[in-house]
Structure formats: C-alpha cells, structure tokens
Amino acid sequence: MDNKILYGIMTIIFNSIGVPCFMQGKVKAGVLRIVLGVITLGVISFINEIMGIIQGIKILCMSDEDYAAADKATLLMGVPSGK
C-alpha cells in the first residue's frame, strides 16, 4: 500500500464489500466480508461501511511518515497500527 490517498478513499467508499482487504492482498478476508454481507442481508455490510468511513478518515489524516512507518503486517480492518 504505497498510495495513502487512494487507499483511504477506497476504504471510505468500498469497505462494505471488502475492497481494502483485496488491496492488501487478503482475498479470504475480502470474500468473507462479501459473503457475510449477503448472509446477514446487509447488516454486516452497513456496519463495515460505517467503520470504513471512520478508518478512511484516520488514514487520510495520518502524515505520510506515520503511514509509511506503520506496521503493514498488522493491517486488520484497514487502519495501520500506529507504531
């Protein structure tokens, strides 16, 4: 994830369908988000979208140095660990 702005915007817009997971290379997590969204009739997707808005704003507000220094292995829900 080299492009912080693209990643932040994609997290805000498409977190409910797992696009940030696919961008990180976590295909299983992205597919799981889609499947759970369908199974729960969109409830999980709605929750993921709200979380994506919050996380995307956090990512966009991070300095480039903080984003580059973040431990990318701990990206779970789209937000760097902040180490």
N, C-alpha and C. Protein backbone atom coordinates (compact mmCIF):
# COMPACT_ATOMS: atom_id res chain seq x y z
N MET A 1 0.83 -1.17 0.00
CA MET A 1 0.00 0.00 0.00
C MET A 1 0.88 1.24 0.00
N ASP A 2 1.21 1.71 -1.16
CA ASP A 2 2.05 2.88 -1.26
C ASP A 2 1.25 4.16 -1.40
N ASN A 3 0.06 4.09 -1.92
CA ASN A 3 -0.72 5.29 -2.16
C ASN A 3 -1.76 5.48 -1.06
N LYS A 4 -1.42 6.30 -0.09
CA LYS A 4 -2.27 6.52 1.09
C LYS A 4 -3.61 7.13 0.71
N ILE A 5 -3.62 8.08 -0.20
CA ILE A 5 -4.86 8.76 -0.56
C ILE A 5 -5.83 7.80 -1.24
N LEU A 6 -5.33 7.01 -2.19
CA LEU A 6 -6.17 6.04 -2.86
C LEU A 6 -6.72 5.02 -1.87
N TYR A 7 -5.86 4.52 -0.99
CA TYR A 7 -6.30 3.53 -0.02
C TYR A 7 -7.34 4.11 0.94
N GLY A 8 -7.14 5.34 1.39
CA GLY A 8 -8.09 5.98 2.29
C GLY A 8 -9.45 6.18 1.64
N ILE A 9 -9.45 6.63 0.40
CA ILE A 9 -10.70 6.86 -0.32
C ILE A 9 -11.42 5.54 -0.59
N MET A 10 -10.68 4.53 -0.99
CA MET A 10 -11.30 3.22 -1.24
C MET A 10 -11.86 2.62 0.04
N THR A 11 -11.19 2.87 1.18
CA THR A 11 -11.70 2.40 2.46
C THR A 11 -13.01 3.09 2.80
N ILE A 12 -13.08 4.39 2.56
CA ILE A 12 -14.30 5.13 2.85
C ILE A 12 -15.46 4.66 1.97
N ILE A 13 -15.21 4.47 0.69
CA ILE A 13 -16.28 4.17 -0.25
C ILE A 13 -16.65 2.68 -0.29
N PHE A 14 -15.65 1.81 -0.30
CA PHE A 14 -15.91 0.40 -0.59
C PHE A 14 -15.56 -0.57 0.53
N ASN A 15 -15.48 -0.12 1.77
CA ASN A 15 -15.14 -1.03 2.86
C ASN A 15 -16.19 -2.11 3.05
N SER A 16 -17.43 -1.82 2.75
CA SER A 16 -18.50 -2.80 2.98
C SER A 16 -18.37 -4.03 2.10
N ILE A 17 -17.75 -3.89 0.94
CA ILE A 17 -17.60 -5.05 0.05
C ILE A 17 -16.17 -5.58 0.03
N GLY A 18 -15.33 -5.13 0.95
CA GLY A 18 -14.02 -5.72 1.13
C GLY A 18 -12.92 -5.25 0.21
N VAL A 19 -13.10 -4.17 -0.52
CA VAL A 19 -12.06 -3.70 -1.44
C VAL A 19 -10.74 -3.43 -0.72
N PRO A 20 -10.72 -2.80 0.47
CA PRO A 20 -9.43 -2.61 1.15
C PRO A 20 -8.72 -3.93 1.45
N CYS A 21 -9.48 -4.96 1.76
CA CYS A 21 -8.88 -6.28 2.00
C CYS A 21 -8.21 -6.80 0.73
N PHE A 22 -8.89 -6.66 -0.40
CA PHE A 22 -8.31 -7.10 -1.67
C PHE A 22 -7.07 -6.27 -2.01
N MET A 23 -7.08 -4.97 -1.70
CA MET A 23 -5.93 -4.12 -1.97
C MET A 23 -4.73 -4.53 -1.12
N GLN A 24 -4.98 -5.07 0.06
CA GLN A 24 -3.90 -5.54 0.94
C GLN A 24 -3.44 -6.94 0.58
N GLY A 25 -4.14 -7.59 -0.33
CA GLY A 25 -3.80 -8.95 -0.70
C GLY A 25 -4.46 -10.00 0.17
N LYS A 26 -5.43 -9.59 0.97
CA LYS A 26 -6.15 -10.51 1.85
C LYS A 26 -7.46 -10.92 1.20
N VAL A 27 -7.35 -11.82 0.23
CA VAL A 27 -8.50 -12.22 -0.57
C VAL A 27 -9.55 -12.92 0.29
N LYS A 28 -9.11 -13.80 1.20
CA LYS A 28 -10.07 -14.53 2.04
C LYS A 28 -10.90 -13.57 2.88
N ALA A 29 -10.26 -12.55 3.45
CA ALA A 29 -11.00 -11.59 4.27
C ALA A 29 -11.98 -10.79 3.43
N GLY A 30 -11.60 -10.43 2.21
CA GLY A 30 -12.50 -9.70 1.32
C GLY A 30 -13.70 -10.53 0.92
N VAL A 31 -13.46 -11.79 0.57
CA VAL A 31 -14.57 -12.68 0.21
C VAL A 31 -15.47 -12.91 1.41
N LEU A 32 -14.88 -13.05 2.59
CA LEU A 32 -15.66 -13.24 3.82
C LEU A 32 -16.58 -12.05 4.07
N ARG A 33 -16.09 -10.84 3.84
CA ARG A 33 -16.94 -9.65 4.01
C ARG A 33 -18.13 -9.68 3.06
N ILE A 34 -17.88 -10.07 1.83
CA ILE A 34 -18.97 -10.13 0.86
C ILE A 34 -19.99 -11.20 1.26
N VAL A 35 -19.51 -12.38 1.63
CA VAL A 35 -20.40 -13.48 1.99
C VAL A 35 -21.21 -13.14 3.24
N LEU A 36 -20.54 -12.59 4.25
CA LEU A 36 -21.26 -12.22 5.48
C LEU A 36 -22.28 -11.12 5.22
N GLY A 37 -21.96 -10.21 4.32
CA GLY A 37 -22.92 -9.17 3.96
C GLY A 37 -24.17 -9.73 3.33
N VAL A 38 -24.00 -10.73 2.49
CA VAL A 38 -25.15 -11.37 1.84
C VAL A 38 -25.94 -12.19 2.85
N ILE A 39 -25.24 -12.96 3.68
CA ILE A 39 -25.92 -13.83 4.65
C ILE A 39 -26.73 -13.01 5.65
N THR A 40 -26.18 -11.88 6.09
CA THR A 40 -26.88 -11.07 7.10
C THR A 40 -27.78 -10.01 6.47
N LEU A 41 -28.03 -10.14 5.19
CA LEU A 41 -28.91 -9.21 4.46
C LEU A 41 -28.45 -7.76 4.56
N GLY A 42 -27.16 -7.55 4.56
CA GLY A 42 -26.60 -6.21 4.54
C GLY A 42 -26.29 -5.58 5.88
N VAL A 43 -26.63 -6.25 6.98
CA VAL A 43 -26.37 -5.67 8.30
C VAL A 43 -24.87 -5.52 8.52
N ILE A 44 -24.11 -6.57 8.25
CA ILE A 44 -22.66 -6.52 8.42
C ILE A 44 -22.05 -5.52 7.44
N SER A 45 -22.58 -5.47 6.23
CA SER A 45 -22.08 -4.51 5.24
C SER A 45 -22.28 -3.08 5.71
N PHE A 46 -23.42 -2.80 6.32
CA PHE A 46 -23.69 -1.45 6.85
C PHE A 46 -22.70 -1.11 7.96
N ILE A 47 -22.46 -2.04 8.85
CA ILE A 47 -21.50 -1.83 9.95
C ILE A 47 -20.11 -1.63 9.39
N ASN A 48 -19.71 -2.45 8.41
CA ASN A 48 -18.39 -2.31 7.80
C ASN A 48 -18.24 -0.96 7.09
N GLU A 49 -19.31 -0.47 6.51
CA GLU A 49 -19.23 0.82 5.82
C GLU A 49 -19.03 1.96 6.81
N ILE A 50 -19.74 1.92 7.93
CA ILE A 50 -19.55 2.95 8.96
C ILE A 50 -18.12 2.91 9.47
N MET A 51 -17.62 1.69 9.74
CA MET A 51 -16.23 1.54 10.20
C MET A 51 -15.25 2.02 9.13
N GLY A 52 -15.57 1.78 7.87
CA GLY A 52 -14.71 2.22 6.77
C GLY A 52 -14.61 3.72 6.66
N ILE A 53 -15.71 4.41 6.92
CA ILE A 53 -15.68 5.87 6.90
C ILE A 53 -14.74 6.39 7.98
N ILE A 54 -14.87 5.84 9.17
CA ILE A 54 -14.01 6.26 10.29
C ILE A 54 -12.55 5.94 10.00
N GLN A 55 -12.29 4.72 9.54
CA GLN A 55 -10.92 4.29 9.28
C GLN A 55 -10.31 5.04 8.10
N GLY A 56 -11.09 5.28 7.08
CA GLY A 56 -10.59 6.03 5.93
C GLY A 56 -10.19 7.44 6.30
N ILE A 57 -10.98 8.08 7.15
CA ILE A 57 -10.63 9.43 7.61
C ILE A 57 -9.35 9.40 8.43
N LYS A 58 -9.20 8.38 9.28
CA LYS A 58 -7.96 8.25 10.07
C LYS A 58 -6.76 8.09 9.16
N ILE A 59 -6.90 7.27 8.12
CA ILE A 59 -5.79 7.05 7.19
C ILE A 59 -5.46 8.34 6.46
N LEU A 60 -6.46 9.07 5.99
CA LEU A 60 -6.21 10.31 5.26
C LEU A 60 -5.62 11.40 6.14
N CYS A 61 -5.88 11.34 7.45
CA CYS A 61 -5.35 12.35 8.37
C CYS A 61 -3.93 12.02 8.84
N MET A 62 -3.47 10.81 8.61
CA MET A 62 -2.12 10.42 9.02
C MET A 62 -1.09 11.16 8.16
N SER A 63 0.04 11.47 8.76
CA SER A 63 1.11 12.04 7.95
C SER A 63 1.70 10.93 7.09
N ASP A 64 2.37 11.33 6.02
CA ASP A 64 2.97 10.34 5.13
C ASP A 64 4.02 9.51 5.87
N GLU A 65 4.74 10.14 6.79
CA GLU A 65 5.75 9.42 7.56
C GLU A 65 5.11 8.37 8.47
N ASP A 66 4.02 8.76 9.14
CA ASP A 66 3.32 7.81 10.00
C ASP A 66 2.75 6.66 9.20
N TYR A 67 2.21 6.96 8.03
CA TYR A 67 1.64 5.92 7.19
C TYR A 67 2.72 4.97 6.69
N ALA A 68 3.87 5.54 6.27
CA ALA A 68 4.97 4.71 5.78
C ALA A 68 5.58 3.88 6.89
N ALA A 69 5.59 4.42 8.12
CA ALA A 69 6.20 3.71 9.24
C ALA A 69 5.26 2.70 9.89
N ALA A 70 3.99 2.73 9.52
CA ALA A 70 3.02 1.82 10.14
C ALA A 70 3.38 0.38 9.80
N ASP A 71 3.13 -0.49 10.74
CA ASP A 71 3.41 -1.90 10.56
C ASP A 71 2.34 -2.50 9.66
N LYS A 72 2.64 -2.71 8.40
CA LYS A 72 1.65 -3.17 7.43
C LYS A 72 1.16 -4.59 7.73
N ALA A 73 1.93 -5.36 8.47
CA ALA A 73 1.50 -6.73 8.79
C ALA A 73 0.34 -6.73 9.77
N THR A 74 0.12 -5.62 10.47
CA THR A 74 -0.97 -5.58 11.45
C THR A 74 -2.22 -4.91 10.90
N LEU A 75 -2.26 -4.69 9.59
CA LEU A 75 -3.46 -4.11 9.00
C LEU A 75 -4.57 -5.15 9.06
N LEU A 76 -5.50 -4.93 9.95
CA LEU A 76 -6.59 -5.90 10.10
C LEU A 76 -7.85 -5.37 9.44
N MET A 77 -8.27 -4.20 9.82
CA MET A 77 -9.51 -3.64 9.31
C MET A 77 -9.26 -2.41 8.44
N GLY A 78 -8.02 -2.21 8.01
CA GLY A 78 -7.72 -1.09 7.14
C GLY A 78 -7.00 0.04 7.81
N VAL A 79 -6.72 -0.05 9.09
CA VAL A 79 -6.05 1.02 9.81
C VAL A 79 -4.69 0.53 10.27
N PRO A 80 -3.62 1.23 9.91
CA PRO A 80 -2.29 0.84 10.41
C PRO A 80 -2.24 0.91 11.93
N SER A 81 -1.34 0.16 12.50
CA SER A 81 -1.26 0.04 13.96
C SER A 81 -0.84 1.33 14.65
N GLY A 82 -0.20 2.22 13.93
CA GLY A 82 0.23 3.49 14.52
C GLY A 82 1.53 3.41 15.29
N LYS A 83 2.28 2.33 15.10
CA LYS A 83 3.57 2.17 15.80
C LYS A 83 4.57 3.16 15.30
